[in-house]
Full PDB file with SEQRES, HELIX, SHEET, SSBOND, CRYST1, ORIGX, SCALE, CONECT and MASTER records, all heavy atoms in Angstrom:
SEQRES   1 A   36  ASP ASP TYR LYS ASN ALA VAL TYR LEU GLN MET ASN SER          
SEQRES   2 A   36  LEU LYS PRO GLU ASP THR ALA THR TYR TYR CYS ASN ALA          
SEQRES   3 A   36  GLU TYR ARG GLY TYR ASN LEU TRP GLY GLN                      
HELIX    1 AA1 PRO A   16  ASP A   18  5                                   3    
SHEET    1 AA1 2 ASN A  25  TYR A  28  0                                        
SHEET    2 AA1 2 TYR A  31  TRP A  34 -1                                        
CRYST1    1.000    1.000    1.000  90.00  90.00  90.00 P 1           1          
ORIGX1      1.000000  0.000000  0.000000        0.00000                         
ORIGX2      0.000000  1.000000  0.000000        0.00000                         
ORIGX3      0.000000  0.000000  1.000000        0.00000                         
SCALE1      1.000000  0.000000  0.000000        0.00000                         
SCALE2      0.000000  1.000000  0.000000        0.00000                         
SCALE3      0.000000  0.000000  1.000000        0.00000                         
ATOM      1  N   ASP A   1     -35.174 -23.229 202.853  1.00  0.00           N  
ATOM      2  CA  ASP A   1     -35.009 -21.861 202.352  1.00  0.00           C  
ATOM      3  C   ASP A   1     -36.276 -21.111 202.730  1.00  0.00           C  
ATOM      4  O   ASP A   1     -37.322 -21.272 202.085  1.00  0.00           O  
ATOM      5  CB  ASP A   1     -34.808 -21.878 200.840  1.00  0.00           C  
ATOM      6  CG  ASP A   1     -34.494 -20.500 200.276  1.00  0.00           C  
ATOM      7  OD1 ASP A   1     -34.911 -19.495 200.888  1.00  0.00           O  
ATOM      8  OD2 ASP A   1     -33.863 -20.412 199.215  1.00  0.00           O  
ATOM      9  N   ASP A   2     -36.176 -20.309 203.788  1.00  0.00           N  
ATOM     10  CA  ASP A   2     -37.366 -19.628 204.288  1.00  0.00           C  
ATOM     11  C   ASP A   2     -37.826 -18.508 203.357  1.00  0.00           C  
ATOM     12  O   ASP A   2     -38.958 -18.038 203.480  1.00  0.00           O  
ATOM     13  CB  ASP A   2     -37.093 -19.085 205.688  1.00  0.00           C  
ATOM     14  CG  ASP A   2     -37.044 -20.185 206.736  1.00  0.00           C  
ATOM     15  OD1 ASP A   2     -37.192 -21.374 206.358  1.00  0.00           O  
ATOM     16  OD2 ASP A   2     -36.850 -19.876 207.927  1.00  0.00           O  
ATOM     17  N   TYR A   3     -36.974 -18.062 202.443  1.00  0.00           N  
ATOM     18  CA  TYR A   3     -37.391 -17.048 201.477  1.00  0.00           C  
ATOM     19  C   TYR A   3     -38.229 -17.676 200.361  1.00  0.00           C  
ATOM     20  O   TYR A   3     -39.120 -17.028 199.803  1.00  0.00           O  
ATOM     21  CB  TYR A   3     -36.173 -16.344 200.884  1.00  0.00           C  
ATOM     22  CG  TYR A   3     -35.445 -15.489 201.889  1.00  0.00           C  
ATOM     23  CD1 TYR A   3     -34.287 -15.944 202.513  1.00  0.00           C  
ATOM     24  CD2 TYR A   3     -35.925 -14.233 202.251  1.00  0.00           C  
ATOM     25  CE1 TYR A   3     -33.629 -15.167 203.448  1.00  0.00           C  
ATOM     26  CE2 TYR A   3     -35.265 -13.448 203.184  1.00  0.00           C  
ATOM     27  CZ  TYR A   3     -34.114 -13.926 203.784  1.00  0.00           C  
ATOM     28  OH  TYR A   3     -33.475 -13.165 204.724  1.00  0.00           O  
ATOM     29  N   LYS A   4     -37.939 -18.914 200.060  1.00  0.00           N  
ATOM     30  CA  LYS A   4     -38.690 -19.618 199.011  1.00  0.00           C  
ATOM     31  C   LYS A   4     -39.780 -20.515 199.574  1.00  0.00           C  
ATOM     32  O   LYS A   4     -40.490 -21.180 198.814  1.00  0.00           O  
ATOM     33  CB  LYS A   4     -37.730 -20.456 198.155  1.00  0.00           C  
ATOM     34  CG  LYS A   4     -36.723 -19.631 197.367  1.00  0.00           C  
ATOM     35  CD  LYS A   4     -35.858 -20.523 196.488  1.00  0.00           C  
ATOM     36  CE  LYS A   4     -34.891 -19.691 195.661  1.00  0.00           C  
ATOM     37  NZ  LYS A   4     -34.022 -20.553 194.806  1.00  0.00           N  
ATOM     38  N   ASN A   5     -39.903 -20.551 200.909  1.00  0.00           N  
ATOM     39  CA  ASN A   5     -40.889 -21.432 201.550  1.00  0.00           C  
ATOM     40  C   ASN A   5     -40.709 -22.867 201.069  1.00  0.00           C  
ATOM     41  O   ASN A   5     -41.674 -23.535 200.652  1.00  0.00           O  
ATOM     42  CB  ASN A   5     -42.325 -20.961 201.269  1.00  0.00           C  
ATOM     43  CG  ASN A   5     -42.688 -19.730 202.056  1.00  0.00           C  
ATOM     44  OD1 ASN A   5     -41.879 -19.199 202.817  1.00  0.00           O  
ATOM     45  ND2 ASN A   5     -43.899 -19.242 201.884  1.00  0.00           N  
ATOM     46  N   ALA A   6     -39.463 -23.328 201.121  1.00  0.00           N  
ATOM     47  CA  ALA A   6     -39.169 -24.653 200.592  1.00  0.00           C  
ATOM     48  C   ALA A   6     -38.223 -25.418 201.514  1.00  0.00           C  
ATOM     49  O   ALA A   6     -37.411 -24.824 202.229  1.00  0.00           O  
ATOM     50  CB  ALA A   6     -38.546 -24.540 199.203  1.00  0.00           C  
ATOM     51  N   VAL A   7     -38.360 -26.718 201.462  1.00  0.00           N  
ATOM     52  CA  VAL A   7     -37.463 -27.621 202.177  1.00  0.00           C  
ATOM     53  C   VAL A   7     -36.982 -28.671 201.187  1.00  0.00           C  
ATOM     54  O   VAL A   7     -37.715 -29.054 200.276  1.00  0.00           O  
ATOM     55  CB  VAL A   7     -38.144 -28.252 203.411  1.00  0.00           C  
ATOM     56  CG1 VAL A   7     -39.328 -29.110 203.008  1.00  0.00           C  
ATOM     57  CG2 VAL A   7     -37.155 -29.038 204.246  1.00  0.00           C  
ATOM     58  N   TYR A   8     -35.743 -29.102 201.386  1.00  0.00           N  
ATOM     59  CA  TYR A   8     -35.118 -30.014 200.448  1.00  0.00           C  
ATOM     60  C   TYR A   8     -34.539 -31.226 201.178  1.00  0.00           C  
ATOM     61  O   TYR A   8     -34.203 -31.144 202.361  1.00  0.00           O  
ATOM     62  CB  TYR A   8     -33.993 -29.299 199.694  1.00  0.00           C  
ATOM     63  CG  TYR A   8     -34.420 -28.000 199.078  1.00  0.00           C  
ATOM     64  CD1 TYR A   8     -34.159 -26.787 199.717  1.00  0.00           C  
ATOM     65  CD2 TYR A   8     -35.093 -27.971 197.866  1.00  0.00           C  
ATOM     66  CE1 TYR A   8     -34.560 -25.583 199.168  1.00  0.00           C  
ATOM     67  CE2 TYR A   8     -35.497 -26.765 197.306  1.00  0.00           C  
ATOM     68  CZ  TYR A   8     -35.239 -25.579 197.962  1.00  0.00           C  
ATOM     69  OH  TYR A   8     -35.646 -24.393 197.413  1.00  0.00           O  
ATOM     70  N   LEU A   9     -34.415 -32.315 200.445  1.00  0.00           N  
ATOM     71  CA  LEU A   9     -33.734 -33.489 200.971  1.00  0.00           C  
ATOM     72  C   LEU A   9     -32.781 -33.989 199.895  1.00  0.00           C  
ATOM     73  O   LEU A   9     -33.218 -34.514 198.866  1.00  0.00           O  
ATOM     74  CB  LEU A   9     -34.726 -34.592 201.356  1.00  0.00           C  
ATOM     75  CG  LEU A   9     -34.113 -35.803 202.044  1.00  0.00           C  
ATOM     76  CD1 LEU A   9     -33.582 -35.419 203.438  1.00  0.00           C  
ATOM     77  CD2 LEU A   9     -35.122 -36.933 202.165  1.00  0.00           C  
ATOM     78  N   GLN A  10     -31.497 -33.790 200.139  1.00  0.00           N  
ATOM     79  CA  GLN A  10     -30.481 -34.309 199.241  1.00  0.00           C  
ATOM     80  C   GLN A  10     -30.138 -35.722 199.673  1.00  0.00           C  
ATOM     81  O   GLN A  10     -29.728 -35.946 200.814  1.00  0.00           O  
ATOM     82  CB  GLN A  10     -29.233 -33.436 199.280  1.00  0.00           C  
ATOM     83  CG  GLN A  10     -28.089 -33.940 198.408  1.00  0.00           C  
ATOM     84  CD  GLN A  10     -28.421 -33.901 196.931  1.00  0.00           C  
ATOM     85  OE1 GLN A  10     -28.987 -32.916 196.444  1.00  0.00           O  
ATOM     86  NE2 GLN A  10     -28.080 -34.952 196.206  1.00  0.00           N  
ATOM     87  N   MET A  11     -30.333 -36.669 198.778  1.00  0.00           N  
ATOM     88  CA  MET A  11     -30.130 -38.078 199.095  1.00  0.00           C  
ATOM     89  C   MET A  11     -28.990 -38.621 198.237  1.00  0.00           C  
ATOM     90  O   MET A  11     -29.108 -38.660 197.005  1.00  0.00           O  
ATOM     91  CB  MET A  11     -31.415 -38.870 198.843  1.00  0.00           C  
ATOM     92  CG  MET A  11     -32.610 -38.325 199.590  1.00  0.00           C  
ATOM     93  SD  MET A  11     -34.093 -39.353 199.417  1.00  0.00           S  
ATOM     94  CE  MET A  11     -34.425 -39.153 197.681  1.00  0.00           C  
ATOM     95  N   ASN A  12     -27.923 -39.016 198.890  1.00  0.00           N  
ATOM     96  CA  ASN A  12     -26.760 -39.580 198.205  1.00  0.00           C  
ATOM     97  C   ASN A  12     -26.564 -41.029 198.625  1.00  0.00           C  
ATOM     98  O   ASN A  12     -27.110 -41.481 199.633  1.00  0.00           O  
ATOM     99  CB  ASN A  12     -25.504 -38.773 198.538  1.00  0.00           C  
ATOM    100  CG  ASN A  12     -25.592 -37.334 198.083  1.00  0.00           C  
ATOM    101  OD1 ASN A  12     -26.215 -37.018 197.072  1.00  0.00           O  
ATOM    102  ND2 ASN A  12     -24.963 -36.439 198.835  1.00  0.00           N  
ATOM    103  N   SER A  13     -25.774 -41.738 197.859  1.00  0.00           N  
ATOM    104  CA  SER A  13     -25.465 -43.144 198.154  1.00  0.00           C  
ATOM    105  C   SER A  13     -26.736 -43.940 198.429  1.00  0.00           C  
ATOM    106  O   SER A  13     -26.822 -44.683 199.414  1.00  0.00           O  
ATOM    107  CB  SER A  13     -24.504 -43.233 199.356  1.00  0.00           C  
ATOM    108  OG  SER A  13     -23.313 -42.524 199.107  1.00  0.00           O  
ATOM    109  N   LEU A  14     -27.694 -43.781 197.573  1.00  0.00           N  
ATOM    110  CA  LEU A  14     -28.992 -44.421 197.782  1.00  0.00           C  
ATOM    111  C   LEU A  14     -28.871 -45.940 197.728  1.00  0.00           C  
ATOM    112  O   LEU A  14     -28.073 -46.502 196.975  1.00  0.00           O  
ATOM    113  CB  LEU A  14     -29.993 -43.928 196.755  1.00  0.00           C  
ATOM    114  CG  LEU A  14     -30.563 -42.532 197.052  1.00  0.00           C  
ATOM    115  CD1 LEU A  14     -31.169 -41.911 195.809  1.00  0.00           C  
ATOM    116  CD2 LEU A  14     -31.596 -42.620 198.169  1.00  0.00           C  
ATOM    117  N   LYS A  15     -29.695 -46.570 198.545  1.00  0.00           N  
ATOM    118  CA  LYS A  15     -29.728 -48.022 198.654  1.00  0.00           C  
ATOM    119  C   LYS A  15     -31.126 -48.525 198.304  1.00  0.00           C  
ATOM    120  O   LYS A  15     -32.107 -47.777 198.462  1.00  0.00           O  
ATOM    121  CB  LYS A  15     -29.382 -48.451 200.085  1.00  0.00           C  
ATOM    122  CG  LYS A  15     -28.068 -47.919 200.612  1.00  0.00           C  
ATOM    123  CD  LYS A  15     -27.887 -48.290 202.080  1.00  0.00           C  
ATOM    124  CE  LYS A  15     -26.582 -47.755 202.636  1.00  0.00           C  
ATOM    125  NZ  LYS A  15     -26.393 -48.113 204.067  1.00  0.00           N  
ATOM    126  N   PRO A  16     -31.245 -49.782 197.905  1.00  0.00           N  
ATOM    127  CA  PRO A  16     -32.590 -50.317 197.616  1.00  0.00           C  
ATOM    128  C   PRO A  16     -33.547 -50.175 198.797  1.00  0.00           C  
ATOM    129  O   PRO A  16     -34.752 -49.964 198.589  1.00  0.00           O  
ATOM    130  CB  PRO A  16     -32.305 -51.787 197.293  1.00  0.00           C  
ATOM    131  CG  PRO A  16     -30.928 -51.774 196.722  1.00  0.00           C  
ATOM    132  CD  PRO A  16     -30.188 -50.725 197.511  1.00  0.00           C  
ATOM    133  N   GLU A  17     -33.020 -50.258 200.005  1.00  0.00           N  
ATOM    134  CA  GLU A  17     -33.899 -50.130 201.181  1.00  0.00           C  
ATOM    135  C   GLU A  17     -34.398 -48.707 201.404  1.00  0.00           C  
ATOM    136  O   GLU A  17     -35.235 -48.470 202.277  1.00  0.00           O  
ATOM    137  CB  GLU A  17     -33.187 -50.643 202.447  1.00  0.00           C  
ATOM    138  CG  GLU A  17     -31.809 -50.072 202.686  1.00  0.00           C  
ATOM    139  CD  GLU A  17     -30.705 -50.986 202.174  1.00  0.00           C  
ATOM    140  OE1 GLU A  17     -30.844 -51.536 201.049  1.00  0.00           O  
ATOM    141  OE2 GLU A  17     -29.699 -51.143 202.903  1.00  0.00           O  
ATOM    142  N   ASP A  18     -33.913 -47.748 200.625  1.00  0.00           N  
ATOM    143  CA  ASP A  18     -34.455 -46.388 200.675  1.00  0.00           C  
ATOM    144  C   ASP A  18     -35.713 -46.250 199.833  1.00  0.00           C  
ATOM    145  O   ASP A  18     -36.366 -45.205 199.856  1.00  0.00           O  
ATOM    146  CB  ASP A  18     -33.411 -45.381 200.191  1.00  0.00           C  
ATOM    147  CG  ASP A  18     -32.193 -45.298 201.092  1.00  0.00           C  
ATOM    148  OD1 ASP A  18     -32.368 -45.283 202.320  1.00  0.00           O  
ATOM    149  OD2 ASP A  18     -31.070 -45.235 200.544  1.00  0.00           O  
ATOM    150  N   THR A  19     -36.066 -47.286 199.097  1.00  0.00           N  
ATOM    151  CA  THR A  19     -37.270 -47.251 198.263  1.00  0.00           C  
ATOM    152  C   THR A  19     -38.501 -47.058 199.134  1.00  0.00           C  
ATOM    153  O   THR A  19     -38.736 -47.815 200.080  1.00  0.00           O  
ATOM    154  CB  THR A  19     -37.390 -48.551 197.460  1.00  0.00           C  
ATOM    155  OG1 THR A  19     -36.290 -48.625 196.531  1.00  0.00           O  
ATOM    156  CG2 THR A  19     -38.705 -48.596 196.696  1.00  0.00           C  
ATOM    157  N   ALA A  20     -39.284 -46.030 198.810  1.00  0.00           N  
ATOM    158  CA  ALA A  20     -40.470 -45.693 199.594  1.00  0.00           C  
ATOM    159  C   ALA A  20     -41.158 -44.489 198.960  1.00  0.00           C  
ATOM    160  O   ALA A  20     -40.608 -43.855 198.049  1.00  0.00           O  
ATOM    161  CB  ALA A  20     -40.085 -45.358 201.035  1.00  0.00           C  
ATOM    162  N   THR A  21     -42.334 -44.203 199.473  1.00  0.00           N  
ATOM    163  CA  THR A  21     -42.969 -42.929 199.171  1.00  0.00           C  
ATOM    164  C   THR A  21     -42.508 -41.934 200.235  1.00  0.00           C  
ATOM    165  O   THR A  21     -42.610 -42.216 201.427  1.00  0.00           O  
ATOM    166  CB  THR A  21     -44.491 -43.038 199.180  1.00  0.00           C  
ATOM    167  OG1 THR A  21     -44.897 -44.014 198.218  1.00  0.00           O  
ATOM    168  CG2 THR A  21     -45.122 -41.703 198.838  1.00  0.00           C  
ATOM    169  N   TYR A  22     -41.995 -40.808 199.777  1.00  0.00           N  
ATOM    170  CA  TYR A  22     -41.465 -39.786 200.679  1.00  0.00           C  
ATOM    171  C   TYR A  22     -42.482 -38.654 200.810  1.00  0.00           C  
ATOM    172  O   TYR A  22     -42.985 -38.137 199.804  1.00  0.00           O  
ATOM    173  CB  TYR A  22     -40.136 -39.265 200.153  1.00  0.00           C  
ATOM    174  CG  TYR A  22     -38.997 -40.224 200.397  1.00  0.00           C  
ATOM    175  CD1 TYR A  22     -38.915 -41.421 199.695  1.00  0.00           C  
ATOM    176  CD2 TYR A  22     -38.021 -39.959 201.349  1.00  0.00           C  
ATOM    177  CE1 TYR A  22     -37.894 -42.333 199.934  1.00  0.00           C  
ATOM    178  CE2 TYR A  22     -36.986 -40.852 201.586  1.00  0.00           C  
ATOM    179  CZ  TYR A  22     -36.936 -42.038 200.876  1.00  0.00           C  
ATOM    180  OH  TYR A  22     -35.912 -42.925 201.128  1.00  0.00           O  
ATOM    181  N   TYR A  23     -42.742 -38.282 202.059  1.00  0.00           N  
ATOM    182  CA  TYR A  23     -43.734 -37.271 202.354  1.00  0.00           C  
ATOM    183  C   TYR A  23     -43.081 -36.074 203.046  1.00  0.00           C  
ATOM    184  O   TYR A  23     -42.272 -36.243 203.974  1.00  0.00           O  
ATOM    185  CB  TYR A  23     -44.821 -37.815 203.277  1.00  0.00           C  
ATOM    186  CG  TYR A  23     -45.636 -38.932 202.678  1.00  0.00           C  
ATOM    187  CD1 TYR A  23     -45.259 -40.250 202.845  1.00  0.00           C  
ATOM    188  CD2 TYR A  23     -46.795 -38.657 201.959  1.00  0.00           C  
ATOM    189  CE1 TYR A  23     -46.001 -41.282 202.304  1.00  0.00           C  
ATOM    190  CE2 TYR A  23     -47.556 -39.681 201.413  1.00  0.00           C  
ATOM    191  CZ  TYR A  23     -47.151 -40.991 201.590  1.00  0.00           C  
ATOM    192  OH  TYR A  23     -47.894 -42.012 201.057  1.00  0.00           O  
ATOM    193  N   CYS A  24     -43.481 -34.909 202.635  1.00  0.00           N  
ATOM    194  CA  CYS A  24     -43.083 -33.674 203.305  1.00  0.00           C  
ATOM    195  C   CYS A  24     -44.079 -33.384 204.430  1.00  0.00           C  
ATOM    196  O   CYS A  24     -45.291 -33.608 204.271  1.00  0.00           O  
ATOM    197  CB  CYS A  24     -43.076 -32.540 202.284  1.00  0.00           C  
ATOM    198  SG  CYS A  24     -42.585 -30.935 202.926  1.00  0.00           S  
ATOM    199  N   ASN A  25     -43.570 -32.915 205.552  1.00  0.00           N  
ATOM    200  CA  ASN A  25     -44.409 -32.602 206.713  1.00  0.00           C  
ATOM    201  C   ASN A  25     -44.039 -31.235 207.266  1.00  0.00           C  
ATOM    202  O   ASN A  25     -42.859 -30.880 207.323  1.00  0.00           O  
ATOM    203  CB  ASN A  25     -44.223 -33.679 207.787  1.00  0.00           C  
ATOM    204  CG  ASN A  25     -44.895 -33.327 209.089  1.00  0.00           C  
ATOM    205  OD1 ASN A  25     -44.272 -32.770 209.989  1.00  0.00           O  
ATOM    206  ND2 ASN A  25     -46.175 -33.632 209.194  1.00  0.00           N  
ATOM    207  N   ALA A  26     -45.063 -30.499 207.689  1.00  0.00           N  
ATOM    208  CA  ALA A  26     -44.861 -29.232 208.394  1.00  0.00           C  
ATOM    209  C   ALA A  26     -45.578 -29.326 209.731  1.00  0.00           C  
ATOM    210  O   ALA A  26     -46.768 -29.684 209.774  1.00  0.00           O  
ATOM    211  CB  ALA A  26     -45.413 -28.073 207.572  1.00  0.00           C  
ATOM    212  N   GLU A  27     -44.883 -29.039 210.802  1.00  0.00           N  
ATOM    213  CA  GLU A  27     -45.465 -29.163 212.145  1.00  0.00           C  
ATOM    214  C   GLU A  27     -45.246 -27.886 212.939  1.00  0.00           C  
ATOM    215  O   GLU A  27     -44.140 -27.338 212.975  1.00  0.00           O  
ATOM    216  CB  GLU A  27     -44.839 -30.349 212.875  1.00  0.00           C  
ATOM    217  CG  GLU A  27     -45.501 -30.676 214.221  1.00  0.00           C  
ATOM    218  CD  GLU A  27     -44.946 -29.877 215.378  1.00  0.00           C  
ATOM    219  OE1 GLU A  27     -43.754 -29.523 215.354  1.00  0.00           O  
ATOM    220  OE2 GLU A  27     -45.714 -29.590 216.329  1.00  0.00           O  
ATOM    221  N   TYR A  28     -46.320 -27.421 213.583  1.00  0.00           N  
ATOM    222  CA  TYR A  28     -46.232 -26.251 214.459  1.00  0.00           C  
ATOM    223  C   TYR A  28     -47.225 -26.423 215.586  1.00  0.00           C  
ATOM    224  O   TYR A  28     -48.440 -26.503 215.336  1.00  0.00           O  
ATOM    225  CB  TYR A  28     -46.522 -24.975 213.681  1.00  0.00           C  
ATOM    226  CG  TYR A  28     -46.516 -23.725 214.530  1.00  0.00           C  
ATOM    227  CD1 TYR A  28     -45.354 -23.283 215.156  1.00  0.00           C  
ATOM    228  CD2 TYR A  28     -47.684 -22.968 214.711  1.00  0.00           C  
ATOM    229  CE1 TYR A  28     -45.339 -22.150 215.942  1.00  0.00           C  
ATOM    230  CE2 TYR A  28     -47.676 -21.831 215.493  1.00  0.00           C  
ATOM    231  CZ  TYR A  28     -46.504 -21.417 216.109  1.00  0.00           C  
ATOM    232  OH  TYR A  28     -46.490 -20.287 216.884  1.00  0.00           O  
ATOM    233  N   ARG A  29     -46.704 -26.548 216.787  1.00  0.00           N  
ATOM    234  CA  ARG A  29     -47.541 -26.659 217.997  1.00  0.00           C  
ATOM    235  C   ARG A  29     -48.616 -27.725 217.835  1.00  0.00           C  
ATOM    236  O   ARG A  29     -49.781 -27.515 218.190  1.00  0.00           O  
ATOM    237  CB  ARG A  29     -48.160 -25.306 218.331  1.00  0.00           C  
ATOM    238  CG  ARG A  29     -47.119 -24.274 218.743  1.00  0.00           C  
ATOM    239  CD  ARG A  29     -47.749 -22.997 219.269  1.00  0.00           C  
ATOM    240  NE  ARG A  29     -46.732 -22.040 219.705  1.00  0.00           N  
ATOM    241  CZ  ARG A  29     -47.013 -20.845 220.233  1.00  0.00           C  
ATOM    242  NH1 ARG A  29     -48.259 -20.462 220.394  1.00  0.00           N  
ATOM    243  NH2 ARG A  29     -46.029 -20.047 220.601  1.00  0.00           N  
ATOM    244  N   GLY A  30     -48.231 -28.863 217.320  1.00  0.00           N  
ATOM    245  CA  GLY A  30     -49.138 -29.999 217.214  1.00  0.00           C  
ATOM    246  C   GLY A  30     -49.969 -30.026 215.948  1.00  0.00           C  
ATOM    247  O   GLY A  30     -50.637 -31.035 215.671  1.00  0.00           O  
ATOM    248  N   TYR A  31     -49.933 -28.967 215.191  1.00  0.00           N  
ATOM    249  CA  TYR A  31     -50.641 -28.949 213.902  1.00  0.00           C  
ATOM    250  C   TYR A  31     -49.718 -29.506 212.835  1.00  0.00           C  
ATOM    251  O   TYR A  31     -48.585 -29.061 212.700  1.00  0.00           O  
ATOM    252  CB  TYR A  31     -51.051 -27.527 213.537  1.00  0.00           C  
ATOM    253  CG  TYR A  31     -51.607 -27.391 212.135  1.00  0.00           C  
ATOM    254  CD1 TYR A  31     -52.894 -27.816 211.825  1.00  0.00           C  
ATOM    255  CD2 TYR A  31     -50.831 -26.840 211.114  1.00  0.00           C  
ATOM    256  CE1 TYR A  31     -53.402 -27.692 210.544  1.00  0.00           C  
ATOM    257  CE2 TYR A  31     -51.322 -26.716 209.837  1.00  0.00           C  
ATOM    258  CZ  TYR A  31     -52.609 -27.135 209.549  1.00  0.00           C  
ATOM    259  OH  TYR A  31     -53.099 -27.022 208.274  1.00  0.00           O  
ATOM    260  N   ASN A  32     -50.224 -30.507 212.112  1.00  0.00           N  
ATOM    261  CA  ASN A  32     -49.422 -31.162 211.084  1.00  0.00           C  
ATOM    262  C   ASN A  32     -50.058 -31.005 209.717  1.00  0.00           C  
ATOM    263  O   ASN A  32     -51.263 -31.194 209.550  1.00  0.00           O  
ATOM    264  CB  ASN A  32     -49.276 -32.651 211.391  1.00  0.00           C  
ATOM    265  CG  ASN A  32     -48.179 -32.923 212.400  1.00  0.00           C  
ATOM    266  OD1 ASN A  32     -47.002 -33.001 212.053  1.00  0.00           O  
ATOM    267  ND2 ASN A  32     -48.559 -33.030 213.652  1.00  0.00           N  
ATOM    268  N   LEU A  33     -49.219 -30.703 208.762  1.00  0.00           N  
ATOM    269  CA  LEU A  33     -49.637 -30.605 207.369  1.00  0.00           C  
ATOM    270  C   LEU A  33     -48.781 -31.573 206.564  1.00  0.00           C  
ATOM    271  O   LEU A  33     -47.563 -31.637 206.778  1.00  0.00           O  
ATOM    272  CB  LEU A  33     -49.438 -29.180 206.871  1.00  0.00           C  
ATOM    273  CG  LEU A  33     -49.857 -28.840 205.450  1.00  0.00           C  
ATOM    274  CD1 LEU A  33     -51.353 -29.031 205.262  1.00  0.00           C  
ATOM    275  CD2 LEU A  33     -49.447 -27.410 205.113  1.00  0.00           C  
ATOM    276  N   TRP A  34     -49.422 -32.322 205.650  1.00  0.00           N  
ATOM    277  CA  TRP A  34     -48.708 -33.331 204.864  1.00  0.00           C  
ATOM    278  C   TRP A  34     -48.832 -33.050 203.373  1.00  0.00           C  
ATOM    279  O   TRP A  34     -49.878 -32.581 202.904  1.00  0.00           O  
ATOM    280  CB  TRP A  34     -49.282 -34.720 205.143  1.00  0.00           C  
ATOM    281  CG  TRP A  34     -49.029 -35.217 206.522  1.00  0.00           C  
ATOM    282  CD1 TRP A  34     -49.854 -35.088 207.599  1.00  0.00           C  
ATOM    283  CD2 TRP A  34     -47.872 -35.929 206.978  1.00  0.00           C  
ATOM    284  NE1 TRP A  34     -49.273 -35.670 208.707  1.00  0.00           N  
ATOM    285  CE2 TRP A  34     -48.065 -36.191 208.353  1.00  0.00           C  
ATOM    286  CE3 TRP A  34     -46.703 -36.364 206.379  1.00  0.00           C  
ATOM    287  CZ2 TRP A  34     -47.117 -36.879 209.131  1.00  0.00           C  
ATOM    288  CZ3 TRP A  34     -45.766 -37.051 207.138  1.00  0.00           C  
ATOM    289  CH2 TRP A  34     -45.968 -37.294 208.495  1.00  0.00           C  
ATOM    290  N   GLY A  35     -47.787 -33.404 202.658  1.00  0.00           N  
ATOM    291  CA  GLY A  35     -47.858 -33.388 201.212  1.00  0.00           C  
ATOM    292  C   GLY A  35     -48.451 -34.691 200.695  1.00  0.00           C  
ATOM    293  O   GLY A  35     -48.771 -35.601 201.463  1.00  0.00           O  
ATOM    294  N   GLN A  36     -48.561 -34.772 199.389  1.00  0.00           N  
ATOM    295  CA  GLN A  36     -49.193 -35.939 198.772  1.00  0.00           C  
ATOM    296  C   GLN A  36     -48.218 -37.089 198.581  1.00  0.00           C  
ATOM    297  O   GLN A  36     -48.629 -38.219 198.311  1.00  0.00           O  
ATOM    298  CB  GLN A  36     -49.808 -35.548 197.416  1.00  0.00           C  
ATOM    299  CG  GLN A  36     -48.831 -35.503 196.244  1.00  0.00           C  
ATOM    300  CD  GLN A  36     -47.900 -34.298 196.262  1.00  0.00           C  
ATOM    301  OE1 GLN A  36     -48.029 -33.401 197.102  1.00  0.00           O  
ATOM    302  NE2 GLN A  36     -46.968 -34.272 195.331  1.00  0.00           N  
TER     303      GLN A  36                                                      
MASTER        0    0    0    1    2    0    0    6  302    1    0    3          
END                                                                             
């Protein structure tokens, strides 16, 4: 949602192998920004 400056990930039918730390990333022309 570019008006809210937000990105979402809807995860359905989750499996145990989906267990992990999930990180948000923003990339522009080789510049990367990461969430915590």
